[in-house]
């Protein structure tokens, strides 16, 4: 389990949004997400600012997934959620999963 983002998830407060990203035959696909702009580092070298996207279902004990993404700051929630949740179907997606 990834714990480095625990302090981030605790500080997001009102940032959590219930997002429906797609309708399927059995009904809408939706979950609760938060996103925050961060500058991650790799081997002490900072990267460009990007999104940290977190999925944490209502009532779950801890977040289900974390992703880094370089999507535009103008990207709407449904598009961002569709991209991260369908990353297995779209190998060209601009998302790096931190946990599967």
PDB file of N, CA and C in Angstrom:
ATOM      1  N   UNK A   1       0.840  -1.171   0.000  1.00  0.00           N
ATOM      2  CA  UNK A   1       0.000   0.000   0.000  1.00  0.00           C
ATOM      3  C   UNK A   1       0.893   1.245   0.000  1.00  0.00           C
ATOM      4  N   UNK A   2       0.521   2.235  -0.808  1.00  0.00           N
ATOM      5  CA  UNK A   2       1.234   3.503  -0.834  1.00  0.00           C
ATOM      6  C   UNK A   2       0.758   4.388   0.308  1.00  0.00           C
ATOM      7  N   UNK A   3       1.657   4.840   1.136  1.00  0.00           N
ATOM      8  CA  UNK A   3       1.287   5.725   2.227  1.00  0.00           C
ATOM      9  C   UNK A   3       1.819   7.150   2.074  1.00  0.00           C
ATOM     10  N   UNK A   4       2.725   7.454   1.132  1.00  0.00           N
ATOM     11  CA  UNK A   4       3.286   8.799   1.082  1.00  0.00           C
ATOM     12  C   UNK A   4       2.256   9.888   0.841  1.00  0.00           C
ATOM     13  N   UNK A   5       1.096   9.554   0.278  1.00  0.00           N
ATOM     14  CA  UNK A   5       0.100  10.564  -0.040  1.00  0.00           C
ATOM     15  C   UNK A   5      -0.963  10.699   1.044  1.00  0.00           C
ATOM     16  N   UNK A   6      -0.805  10.014   2.150  1.00  0.00           N
ATOM     17  CA  UNK A   6      -1.810  10.057   3.214  1.00  0.00           C
ATOM     18  C   UNK A   6      -2.041  11.490   3.696  1.00  0.00           C
ATOM     19  N   UNK A   7      -0.976  12.271   3.838  1.00  0.00           N
ATOM     20  CA  UNK A   7      -1.143  13.658   4.291  1.00  0.00           C
ATOM     21  C   UNK A   7      -1.865  14.498   3.237  1.00  0.00           C
ATOM     22  N   UNK A   8      -1.691  14.183   1.960  1.00  0.00           N
ATOM     23  CA  UNK A   8      -2.391  14.906   0.893  1.00  0.00           C
ATOM     24  C   UNK A   8      -3.877  14.602   0.951  1.00  0.00           C
ATOM     25  N   UNK A   9      -4.238  13.325   1.070  1.00  0.00           N
ATOM     26  CA  UNK A   9      -5.657  12.965   1.080  1.00  0.00           C
ATOM     27  C   UNK A   9      -6.369  13.580   2.282  1.00  0.00           C
ATOM     28  N   UNK A  10      -5.681  13.694   3.398  1.00  0.00           N
ATOM     29  CA  UNK A  10      -6.302  14.280   4.595  1.00  0.00           C
ATOM     30  C   UNK A  10      -6.541  15.774   4.435  1.00  0.00           C
ATOM     31  N   UNK A  11      -5.745  16.439   3.615  1.00  0.00           N
ATOM     32  CA  UNK A  11      -5.854  17.892   3.484  1.00  0.00           C
ATOM     33  C   UNK A  11      -6.750  18.341   2.333  1.00  0.00           C
ATOM     34  N   UNK A  12      -7.342  17.425   1.583  1.00  0.00           N
ATOM     35  CA  UNK A  12      -8.117  17.814   0.405  1.00  0.00           C
ATOM     36  C   UNK A  12      -9.519  18.309   0.728  1.00  0.00           C
ATOM     37  N   UNK A  13     -10.056  17.972   1.867  1.00  0.00           N
ATOM     38  CA  UNK A  13     -11.337  18.500   2.327  1.00  0.00           C
ATOM     39  C   UNK A  13     -12.419  18.560   1.265  1.00  0.00           C
ATOM     40  N   UNK A  14     -12.733  19.771   0.812  1.00  0.00           N
ATOM     41  CA  UNK A  14     -13.812  20.004  -0.145  1.00  0.00           C
ATOM     42  C   UNK A  14     -13.454  19.639  -1.580  1.00  0.00           C
ATOM     43  N   UNK A  15     -12.245  19.192  -1.843  1.00  0.00           N
ATOM     44  CA  UNK A  15     -11.820  18.885  -3.215  1.00  0.00           C
ATOM     45  C   UNK A  15     -12.456  17.615  -3.773  1.00  0.00           C
ATOM     46  N   UNK A  16     -13.054  16.789  -2.919  1.00  0.00           N
ATOM     47  CA  UNK A  16     -13.633  15.529  -3.381  1.00  0.00           C
ATOM     48  C   UNK A  16     -14.890  15.781  -4.198  1.00  0.00           C
ATOM     49  N   UNK A  17     -14.967  15.121  -5.358  1.00  0.00           N
ATOM     50  CA  UNK A  17     -16.108  15.267  -6.271  1.00  0.00           C
ATOM     51  C   UNK A  17     -16.628  13.890  -6.646  1.00  0.00           C
ATOM     52  N   UNK A  18     -17.932  13.721  -6.640  1.00  0.00           N
ATOM     53  CA  UNK A  18     -18.524  12.511  -7.211  1.00  0.00           C
ATOM     54  C   UNK A  18     -18.604  12.741  -8.711  1.00  0.00           C
ATOM     55  N   UNK A  19     -17.975  11.857  -9.478  1.00  0.00           N
ATOM     56  CA  UNK A  19     -17.864  12.038 -10.920  1.00  0.00           C
ATOM     57  C   UNK A  19     -18.412  10.814 -11.644  1.00  0.00           C
ATOM     58  N   UNK A  20     -19.307  11.040 -12.590  1.00  0.00           N
ATOM     59  CA  UNK A  20     -19.776   9.988 -13.496  1.00  0.00           C
ATOM     60  C   UNK A  20     -19.016  10.169 -14.788  1.00  0.00           C
ATOM     61  N   UNK A  21     -18.307   9.122 -15.214  1.00  0.00           N
ATOM     62  CA  UNK A  21     -17.484   9.266 -16.412  1.00  0.00           C
ATOM     63  C   UNK A  21     -18.027   8.527 -17.630  1.00  0.00           C
ATOM     64  N   UNK A  22     -18.963   7.614 -17.424  1.00  0.00           N
ATOM     65  CA  UNK A  22     -19.482   6.882 -18.577  1.00  0.00           C
ATOM     66  C   UNK A  22     -20.770   6.187 -18.198  1.00  0.00           C
ATOM     67  N   UNK A  23     -21.661   6.066 -19.168  1.00  0.00           N
ATOM     68  CA  UNK A  23     -22.888   5.289 -19.009  1.00  0.00           C
ATOM     69  C   UNK A  23     -22.694   3.953 -19.719  1.00  0.00           C
ATOM     70  N   UNK A  24     -23.053   2.873 -19.052  1.00  0.00           N
ATOM     71  CA  UNK A  24     -22.994   1.536 -19.645  1.00  0.00           C
ATOM     72  C   UNK A  24     -24.373   0.895 -19.482  1.00  0.00           C
ATOM     73  N   UNK A  25     -24.558  -0.280 -20.067  1.00  0.00           N
ATOM     74  CA  UNK A  25     -25.866  -0.944 -20.029  1.00  0.00           C
ATOM     75  C   UNK A  25     -26.381  -1.142 -18.601  1.00  0.00           C
ATOM     76  N   UNK A  26     -25.477  -1.412 -17.668  1.00  0.00           N
ATOM     77  CA  UNK A  26     -25.902  -1.656 -16.287  1.00  0.00           C
ATOM     78  C   UNK A  26     -26.087  -0.369 -15.475  1.00  0.00           C
ATOM     79  N   UNK A  27     -25.780   0.786 -16.074  1.00  0.00           N
ATOM     80  CA  UNK A  27     -25.960   2.055 -15.379  1.00  0.00           C
ATOM     81  C   UNK A  27     -24.714   2.920 -15.448  1.00  0.00           C
ATOM     82  N   UNK A  28     -24.721   4.039 -14.745  1.00  0.00           N
ATOM     83  CA  UNK A  28     -23.574   4.948 -14.806  1.00  0.00           C
ATOM     84  C   UNK A  28     -22.371   4.415 -14.032  1.00  0.00           C
ATOM     85  N   UNK A  29     -21.185   4.696 -14.550  1.00  0.00           N
ATOM     86  CA  UNK A  29     -19.945   4.407 -13.838  1.00  0.00           C
ATOM     87  C   UNK A  29     -19.531   5.688 -13.139  1.00  0.00           C
ATOM     88  N   UNK A  30     -19.397   5.618 -11.829  1.00  0.00           N
ATOM     89  CA  UNK A  30     -19.038   6.814 -11.077  1.00  0.00           C
ATOM     90  C   UNK A  30     -18.243   6.432  -9.836  1.00  0.00           C
ATOM     91  N   UNK A  31     -17.521   7.401  -9.310  1.00  0.00           N
ATOM     92  CA  UNK A  31     -16.770   7.229  -8.077  1.00  0.00           C
ATOM     93  C   UNK A  31     -16.453   8.614  -7.539  1.00  0.00           C
ATOM     94  N   UNK A  32     -15.732   8.666  -6.436  1.00  0.00           N
ATOM     95  CA  UNK A  32     -15.360   9.936  -5.813  1.00  0.00           C
ATOM     96  C   UNK A  32     -13.881  10.183  -6.076  1.00  0.00           C
ATOM     97  N   UNK A  33     -13.566  11.378  -6.566  1.00  0.00           N
ATOM     98  CA  UNK A  33     -12.199  11.734  -6.936  1.00  0.00           C
ATOM     99  C   UNK A  33     -11.809  13.075  -6.336  1.00  0.00           C
ATOM    100  N   UNK A  34     -10.494  13.255  -6.184  1.00  0.00           N
ATOM    101  CA  UNK A  34      -9.921  14.565  -5.878  1.00  0.00           C
ATOM    102  C   UNK A  34      -8.697  14.715  -6.767  1.00  0.00           C
ATOM    103  N   UNK A  35      -8.365  15.971  -7.054  1.00  0.00           N
ATOM    104  CA  UNK A  35      -7.164  16.230  -7.850  1.00  0.00           C
ATOM    105  C   UNK A  35      -6.477  17.470  -7.305  1.00  0.00           C
ATOM    106  N   UNK A  36      -5.162  17.454  -7.368  1.00  0.00           N
ATOM    107  CA  UNK A  36      -4.364  18.566  -6.887  1.00  0.00           C
ATOM    108  C   UNK A  36      -3.122  18.669  -7.768  1.00  0.00           C
ATOM    109  N   UNK A  37      -2.677  19.892  -8.037  1.00  0.00           N
ATOM    110  CA  UNK A  37      -1.468  20.107  -8.818  1.00  0.00           C
ATOM    111  C   UNK A  37      -0.266  19.914  -7.903  1.00  0.00           C
ATOM    112  N   UNK A  38       0.716  19.114  -8.360  1.00  0.00           N
ATOM    113  CA  UNK A  38       1.908  18.814  -7.569  1.00  0.00           C
ATOM    114  C   UNK A  38       3.143  18.840  -8.459  1.00  0.00           C
ATOM    115  N   UNK A  39       4.277  18.904  -7.837  1.00  0.00           N
ATOM    116  CA  UNK A  39       5.565  18.734  -8.518  1.00  0.00           C
ATOM    117  C   UNK A  39       6.228  17.523  -7.881  1.00  0.00           C
ATOM    118  N   UNK A  40       6.112  16.408  -8.528  1.00  0.00           N
ATOM    119  CA  UNK A  40       6.734  15.184  -8.020  1.00  0.00           C
ATOM    120  C   UNK A  40       8.229  15.227  -8.331  1.00  0.00           C
ATOM    121  N   UNK A  41       8.977  14.370  -7.692  1.00  0.00           N
ATOM    122  CA  UNK A  41      10.412  14.291  -7.957  1.00  0.00           C
ATOM    123  C   UNK A  41      10.786  12.842  -8.186  1.00  0.00           C
ATOM    124  N   UNK A  42      11.805  12.641  -9.000  1.00  0.00           N
ATOM    125  CA  UNK A  42      12.348  11.304  -9.241  1.00  0.00           C
ATOM    126  C   UNK A  42      13.849  11.428  -9.107  1.00  0.00           C
ATOM    127  N   UNK A  43      14.404  10.692  -8.161  1.00  0.00           N
ATOM    128  CA  UNK A  43      15.834  10.764  -7.870  1.00  0.00           C
ATOM    129  C   UNK A  43      16.265  12.196  -7.587  1.00  0.00           C
ATOM    130  N   UNK A  44      15.459  12.866  -6.781  1.00  0.00           N
ATOM    131  CA  UNK A  44      15.707  14.246  -6.358  1.00  0.00           C
ATOM    132  C   UNK A  44      15.701  15.252  -7.500  1.00  0.00           C
ATOM    133  N   UNK A  45      15.195  14.881  -8.659  1.00  0.00           N
ATOM    134  CA  UNK A  45      15.050  15.805  -9.777  1.00  0.00           C
ATOM    135  C   UNK A  45      13.572  16.154  -9.921  1.00  0.00           C
ATOM    136  N   UNK A  46      13.202  17.414  -9.686  1.00  0.00           N
ATOM    137  CA  UNK A  46      11.778  17.778  -9.789  1.00  0.00           C
ATOM    138  C   UNK A  46      11.275  17.651 -11.220  1.00  0.00           C
ATOM    139  N   UNK A  47      10.020  17.269 -11.329  1.00  0.00           N
ATOM    140  CA  UNK A  47       9.375  17.174 -12.630  1.00  0.00           C
ATOM    141  C   UNK A  47       8.498  18.402 -12.810  1.00  0.00           C
ATOM    142  N   UNK A  48       7.964  18.561 -14.018  1.00  0.00           N
ATOM    143  CA  UNK A  48       7.018  19.647 -14.255  1.00  0.00           C
ATOM    144  C   UNK A  48       5.777  19.442 -13.402  1.00  0.00           C
ATOM    145  N   UNK A  49       5.063  20.510 -13.159  1.00  0.00           N
ATOM    146  CA  UNK A  49       3.820  20.421 -12.402  1.00  0.00           C
ATOM    147  C   UNK A  49       2.820  19.545 -13.157  1.00  0.00           C
ATOM    148  N   UNK A  50       2.137  18.682 -12.407  1.00  0.00           N
ATOM    149  CA  UNK A  50       1.164  17.773 -13.006  1.00  0.00           C
ATOM    150  C   UNK A  50       0.062  17.497 -11.989  1.00  0.00           C
ATOM    151  N   UNK A  51      -0.963  16.801 -12.437  1.00  0.00           N
ATOM    152  CA  UNK A  51      -2.069  16.430 -11.551  1.00  0.00           C
ATOM    153  C   UNK A  51      -1.714  15.198 -10.738  1.00  0.00           C
ATOM    154  N   UNK A  52      -2.076  15.198  -9.477  1.00  0.00           N
ATOM    155  CA  UNK A  52      -2.163  13.989  -8.666  1.00  0.00           C
ATOM    156  C   UNK A  52      -3.658  13.750  -8.548  1.00  0.00           C
ATOM    157  N   UNK A  53      -4.137  12.648  -9.107  1.00  0.00           N
ATOM    158  CA  UNK A  53      -5.563  12.309  -9.101  1.00  0.00           C
ATOM    159  C   UNK A  53      -5.745  11.136  -8.152  1.00  0.00           C
ATOM    160  N   UNK A  54      -6.733  11.227  -7.292  1.00  0.00           N
ATOM    161  CA  UNK A  54      -6.962  10.198  -6.278  1.00  0.00           C
ATOM    162  C   UNK A  54      -8.405   9.733  -6.367  1.00  0.00           C
ATOM    163  N   UNK A  55      -8.598   8.412  -6.403  1.00  0.00           N
ATOM    164  CA  UNK A  55      -9.951   7.848  -6.331  1.00  0.00           C
ATOM    165  C   UNK A  55     -10.130   7.263  -4.942  1.00  0.00           C
ATOM    166  N   UNK A  56     -11.179   7.682  -4.260  1.00  0.00           N
ATOM    167  CA  UNK A  56     -11.479   7.185  -2.918  1.00  0.00           C
ATOM    168  C   UNK A  56     -12.989   7.073  -2.810  1.00  0.00           C
ATOM    169  N   UNK A  57     -13.500   5.886  -2.969  1.00  0.00           N
ATOM    170  CA  UNK A  57     -14.947   5.657  -2.934  1.00  0.00           C
ATOM    171  C   UNK A  57     -15.520   6.037  -1.577  1.00  0.00           C
ATOM    172  N   UNK A  58     -16.694   6.623  -1.602  1.00  0.00           N
ATOM    173  CA  UNK A  58     -17.396   7.005  -0.370  1.00  0.00           C
ATOM    174  C   UNK A  58     -17.540   5.775   0.527  1.00  0.00           C
ATOM    175  N   UNK A  59     -17.144   5.899   1.777  1.00  0.00           N
ATOM    176  CA  UNK A  59     -17.264   4.803   2.729  1.00  0.00           C
ATOM    177  C   UNK A  59     -16.093   3.834   2.746  1.00  0.00           C
ATOM    178  N   UNK A  60     -15.176   3.941   1.769  1.00  0.00           N
ATOM    179  CA  UNK A  60     -14.002   3.047   1.741  1.00  0.00           C
ATOM    180  C   UNK A  60     -13.008   3.473   2.815  1.00  0.00           C
ATOM    181  N   UNK A  61     -12.245   2.517   3.314  1.00  0.00           N
ATOM    182  CA  UNK A  61     -11.289   2.777   4.384  1.00  0.00           C
ATOM    183  C   UNK A  61     -10.124   3.656   3.913  1.00  0.00           C
ATOM    184  N   UNK A  62      -9.729   3.499   2.651  1.00  0.00           N
ATOM    185  CA  UNK A  62      -8.601   4.253   2.112  1.00  0.00           C
ATOM    186  C   UNK A  62      -8.777   4.432   0.608  1.00  0.00           C
ATOM    187  N   UNK A  63      -7.990   5.312   0.001  1.00  0.00           N
ATOM    188  CA  UNK A  63      -8.107   5.511  -1.449  1.00  0.00           C
ATOM    189  C   UNK A  63      -7.853   4.220  -2.224  1.00  0.00           C
ATOM    190  N   UNK A  64      -8.543   4.101  -3.348  1.00  0.00           N
ATOM    191  CA  UNK A  64      -8.392   2.915  -4.195  1.00  0.00           C
ATOM    192  C   UNK A  64      -7.221   3.055  -5.158  1.00  0.00           C
ATOM    193  N   UNK A  65      -7.028   4.253  -5.723  1.00  0.00           N
ATOM    194  CA  UNK A  65      -5.984   4.467  -6.730  1.00  0.00           C
ATOM    195  C   UNK A  65      -5.428   5.875  -6.648  1.00  0.00           C
ATOM    196  N   UNK A  66      -4.184   6.004  -7.104  1.00  0.00           N
ATOM    197  CA  UNK A  66      -3.526   7.296  -7.275  1.00  0.00           C
ATOM    198  C   UNK A  66      -2.948   7.326  -8.683  1.00  0.00           C
ATOM    199  N   UNK A  67      -2.991   8.474  -9.330  1.00  0.00           N
ATOM    200  CA  UNK A  67      -2.378   8.615 -10.653  1.00  0.00           C
ATOM    201  C   UNK A  67      -1.696   9.971 -10.742  1.00  0.00           C
ATOM    202  N   UNK A  68      -0.619  10.047 -11.536  1.00  0.00           N
ATOM    203  CA  UNK A  68      -0.063  11.314 -11.985  1.00  0.00           C
ATOM    204  C   UNK A  68      -0.531  11.502 -13.419  1.00  0.00           C
ATOM    205  N   UNK A  69      -0.825  12.738 -13.795  1.00  0.00           N
ATOM    206  CA  UNK A  69      -1.259  13.014 -15.157  1.00  0.00           C
ATOM    207  C   UNK A  69      -0.802  14.400 -15.583  1.00  0.00           C
ATOM    208  N   UNK A  70      -0.430  14.493 -16.865  1.00  0.00           N
ATOM    209  CA  UNK A  70      -0.051  15.792 -17.403  1.00  0.00           C
ATOM    210  C   UNK A  70      -1.182  16.404 -18.233  1.00  0.00           C
ATOM    211  N   UNK A  71      -2.415  15.985 -17.995  1.00  0.00           N
ATOM    212  CA  UNK A  71      -3.543  16.584 -18.692  1.00  0.00           C
ATOM    213  C   UNK A  71      -3.617  18.076 -18.369  1.00  0.00           C
ATOM    214  N   UNK A  72      -4.215  18.822 -19.260  1.00  0.00           N
ATOM    215  CA  UNK A  72      -4.349  20.260 -19.124  1.00  0.00           C
ATOM    216  C   UNK A  72      -5.106  20.631 -17.849  1.00  0.00           C
ATOM    217  N   UNK A  73      -4.821  21.822 -17.334  1.00  0.00           N
ATOM    218  CA  UNK A  73      -5.563  22.320 -16.175  1.00  0.00           C
ATOM    219  C   UNK A  73      -7.008  22.644 -16.546  1.00  0.00           C
ATOM    220  N   UNK A  74      -7.310  22.707 -17.828  1.00  0.00           N
ATOM    221  CA  UNK A  74      -8.675  22.968 -18.289  1.00  0.00           C
ATOM    222  C   UNK A  74      -9.470  21.687 -18.530  1.00  0.00           C
ATOM    223  N   UNK A  75      -8.884  20.527 -18.257  1.00  0.00           N
ATOM    224  CA  UNK A  75      -9.576  19.258 -18.478  1.00  0.00           C
ATOM    225  C   UNK A  75     -10.737  19.115 -17.504  1.00  0.00           C
ATOM    226  N   UNK A  76     -11.918  18.836 -18.038  1.00  0.00           N
ATOM    227  CA  UNK A  76     -13.111  18.664 -17.206  1.00  0.00           C
ATOM    228  C   UNK A  76     -13.038  17.348 -16.437  1.00  0.00           C
ATOM    229  N   UNK A  77     -13.700  17.334 -15.273  1.00  0.00           N
ATOM    230  CA  UNK A  77     -13.713  16.124 -14.435  1.00  0.00           C
ATOM    231  C   UNK A  77     -14.136  14.866 -15.188  1.00  0.00           C
ATOM    232  N   UNK A  78     -15.251  14.855 -15.926  1.00  0.00           N
ATOM    233  CA  UNK A  78     -15.646  13.604 -16.593  1.00  0.00           C
ATOM    234  C   UNK A  78     -14.581  13.077 -17.559  1.00  0.00           C
ATOM    235  N   UNK A  79     -13.941  13.972 -18.299  1.00  0.00           N
ATOM    236  CA  UNK A  79     -12.882  13.541 -19.227  1.00  0.00           C
ATOM    237  C   UNK A  79     -11.677  12.989 -18.472  1.00  0.00           C
ATOM    238  N   UNK A  80     -11.300  13.654 -17.393  1.00  0.00           N
ATOM    239  CA  UNK A  80     -10.154  13.194 -16.604  1.00  0.00           C
ATOM    240  C   UNK A  80     -10.449  11.828 -15.975  1.00  0.00           C
ATOM    241  N   UNK A  81     -11.637  11.666 -15.413  1.00  0.00           N
ATOM    242  CA  UNK A  81     -12.006  10.386 -14.812  1.00  0.00           C
ATOM    243  C   UNK A  81     -12.073   9.281 -15.865  1.00  0.00           C
ATOM    244  N   UNK A  82     -12.651   9.571 -17.026  1.00  0.00           N
ATOM    245  CA  UNK A  82     -12.709   8.582 -18.111  1.00  0.00           C
ATOM    246  C   UNK A  82     -11.304   8.146 -18.515  1.00  0.00           C
ATOM    247  N   UNK A  83     -10.385   9.095 -18.602  1.00  0.00           N
ATOM    248  CA  UNK A  83      -9.007   8.777 -19.007  1.00  0.00           C
ATOM    249  C   UNK A  83      -8.323   7.871 -17.989  1.00  0.00           C
ATOM    250  N   UNK A  84      -8.394   8.227 -16.704  1.00  0.00           N
ATOM    251  CA  UNK A  84      -7.687   7.415 -15.711  1.00  0.00           C
ATOM    252  C   UNK A  84      -8.355   6.060 -15.497  1.00  0.00           C
ATOM    253  N   UNK A  85      -9.690   6.026 -15.557  1.00  0.00           N
ATOM    254  CA  UNK A  85     -10.384   4.763 -15.313  1.00  0.00           C
ATOM    255  C   UNK A  85     -10.332   3.821 -16.511  1.00  0.00           C
ATOM    256  N   UNK A  86     -10.061   4.329 -17.686  1.00  0.00           N
ATOM    257  CA  UNK A  86     -10.006   3.464 -18.871  1.00  0.00           C
ATOM    258  C   UNK A  86      -8.582   3.298 -19.372  1.00  0.00           C
ATOM    259  N   UNK A  87      -7.594   3.524 -18.527  1.00  0.00           N
ATOM    260  CA  UNK A  87      -6.201   3.444 -18.976  1.00  0.00           C
ATOM    261  C   UNK A  87      -5.823   2.087 -19.536  1.00  0.00           C
ATOM    262  N   UNK A  88      -6.512   1.035 -19.134  1.00  0.00           N
ATOM    263  CA  UNK A  88      -6.199  -0.295 -19.662  1.00  0.00           C
ATOM    264  C   UNK A  88      -6.693  -0.429 -21.100  1.00  0.00           C
ATOM    265  N   UNK A  89      -7.739   0.311 -21.456  1.00  0.00           N
ATOM    266  CA  UNK A  89      -8.266   0.253 -22.812  1.00  0.00           C
ATOM    267  C   UNK A  89      -7.534   1.198 -23.752  1.00  0.00           C
ATOM    268  N   UNK A  90      -6.876   2.216 -23.214  1.00  0.00           N
ATOM    269  CA  UNK A  90      -6.231   3.242 -24.029  1.00  0.00           C
ATOM    270  C   UNK A  90      -4.747   3.298 -23.698  1.00  0.00           C
ATOM    271  N   UNK A  91      -3.920   2.515 -24.366  1.00  0.00           N
ATOM    272  CA  UNK A  91      -2.500   2.521 -24.025  1.00  0.00           C
ATOM    273  C   UNK A  91      -1.832   3.870 -24.281  1.00  0.00           C
ATOM    274  N   UNK A  92      -2.441   4.735 -25.108  1.00  0.00           N
ATOM    275  CA  UNK A  92      -1.843   6.033 -25.389  1.00  0.00           C
ATOM    276  C   UNK A  92      -2.235   7.092 -24.365  1.00  0.00           C
ATOM    277  N   UNK A  93      -2.988   6.713 -23.332  1.00  0.00           N
ATOM    278  CA  UNK A  93      -3.437   7.713 -22.362  1.00  0.00           C
ATOM    279  C   UNK A  93      -2.261   8.378 -21.678  1.00  0.00           C
ATOM    280  N   UNK A  94      -2.485   9.597 -21.249  1.00  0.00           N
ATOM    281  CA  UNK A  94      -1.430  10.416 -20.649  1.00  0.00           C
ATOM    282  C   UNK A  94      -1.475  10.280 -19.141  1.00  0.00           C
ATOM    283  N   UNK A  95      -1.463   9.075 -18.662  1.00  0.00           N
ATOM    284  CA  UNK A  95      -1.617   8.838 -17.224  1.00  0.00           C
ATOM    285  C   UNK A  95      -0.611   7.798 -16.761  1.00  0.00           C
ATOM    286  N   UNK A  96      -0.036   8.028 -15.615  1.00  0.00           N
ATOM    287  CA  UNK A  96       0.867   7.053 -15.005  1.00  0.00           C
ATOM    288  C   UNK A  96       0.218   6.590 -13.713  1.00  0.00           C
ATOM    289  N   UNK A  97      -0.135   5.309 -13.641  1.00  0.00           N
ATOM    290  CA  UNK A  97      -0.761   4.792 -12.427  1.00  0.00           C
ATOM    291  C   UNK A  97       0.280   4.540 -11.360  1.00  0.00           C
ATOM    292  N   UNK A  98      -0.058   4.903 -10.133  1.00  0.00           N
ATOM    293  CA  UNK A  98       0.838   4.669  -9.006  1.00  0.00           C
ATOM    294  C   UNK A  98       0.491   3.395  -8.261  1.00  0.00           C
ATOM    295  N   UNK A  99      -0.744   2.934  -8.469  1.00  0.00           N
ATOM    296  CA  UNK A  99      -1.181   1.747  -7.751  1.00  0.00           C
ATOM    297  C   UNK A  99      -2.296   1.105  -8.556  1.00  0.00           C
ATOM    298  N   UNK A 100      -2.264  -0.202  -8.696  1.00  0.00           N
ATOM    299  CA  UNK A 100      -3.324  -0.887  -9.431  1.00  0.00           C
ATOM    300  C   UNK A 100      -4.045  -1.837  -8.530  1.00  0.00           C
TER     301      UNK A 100
END
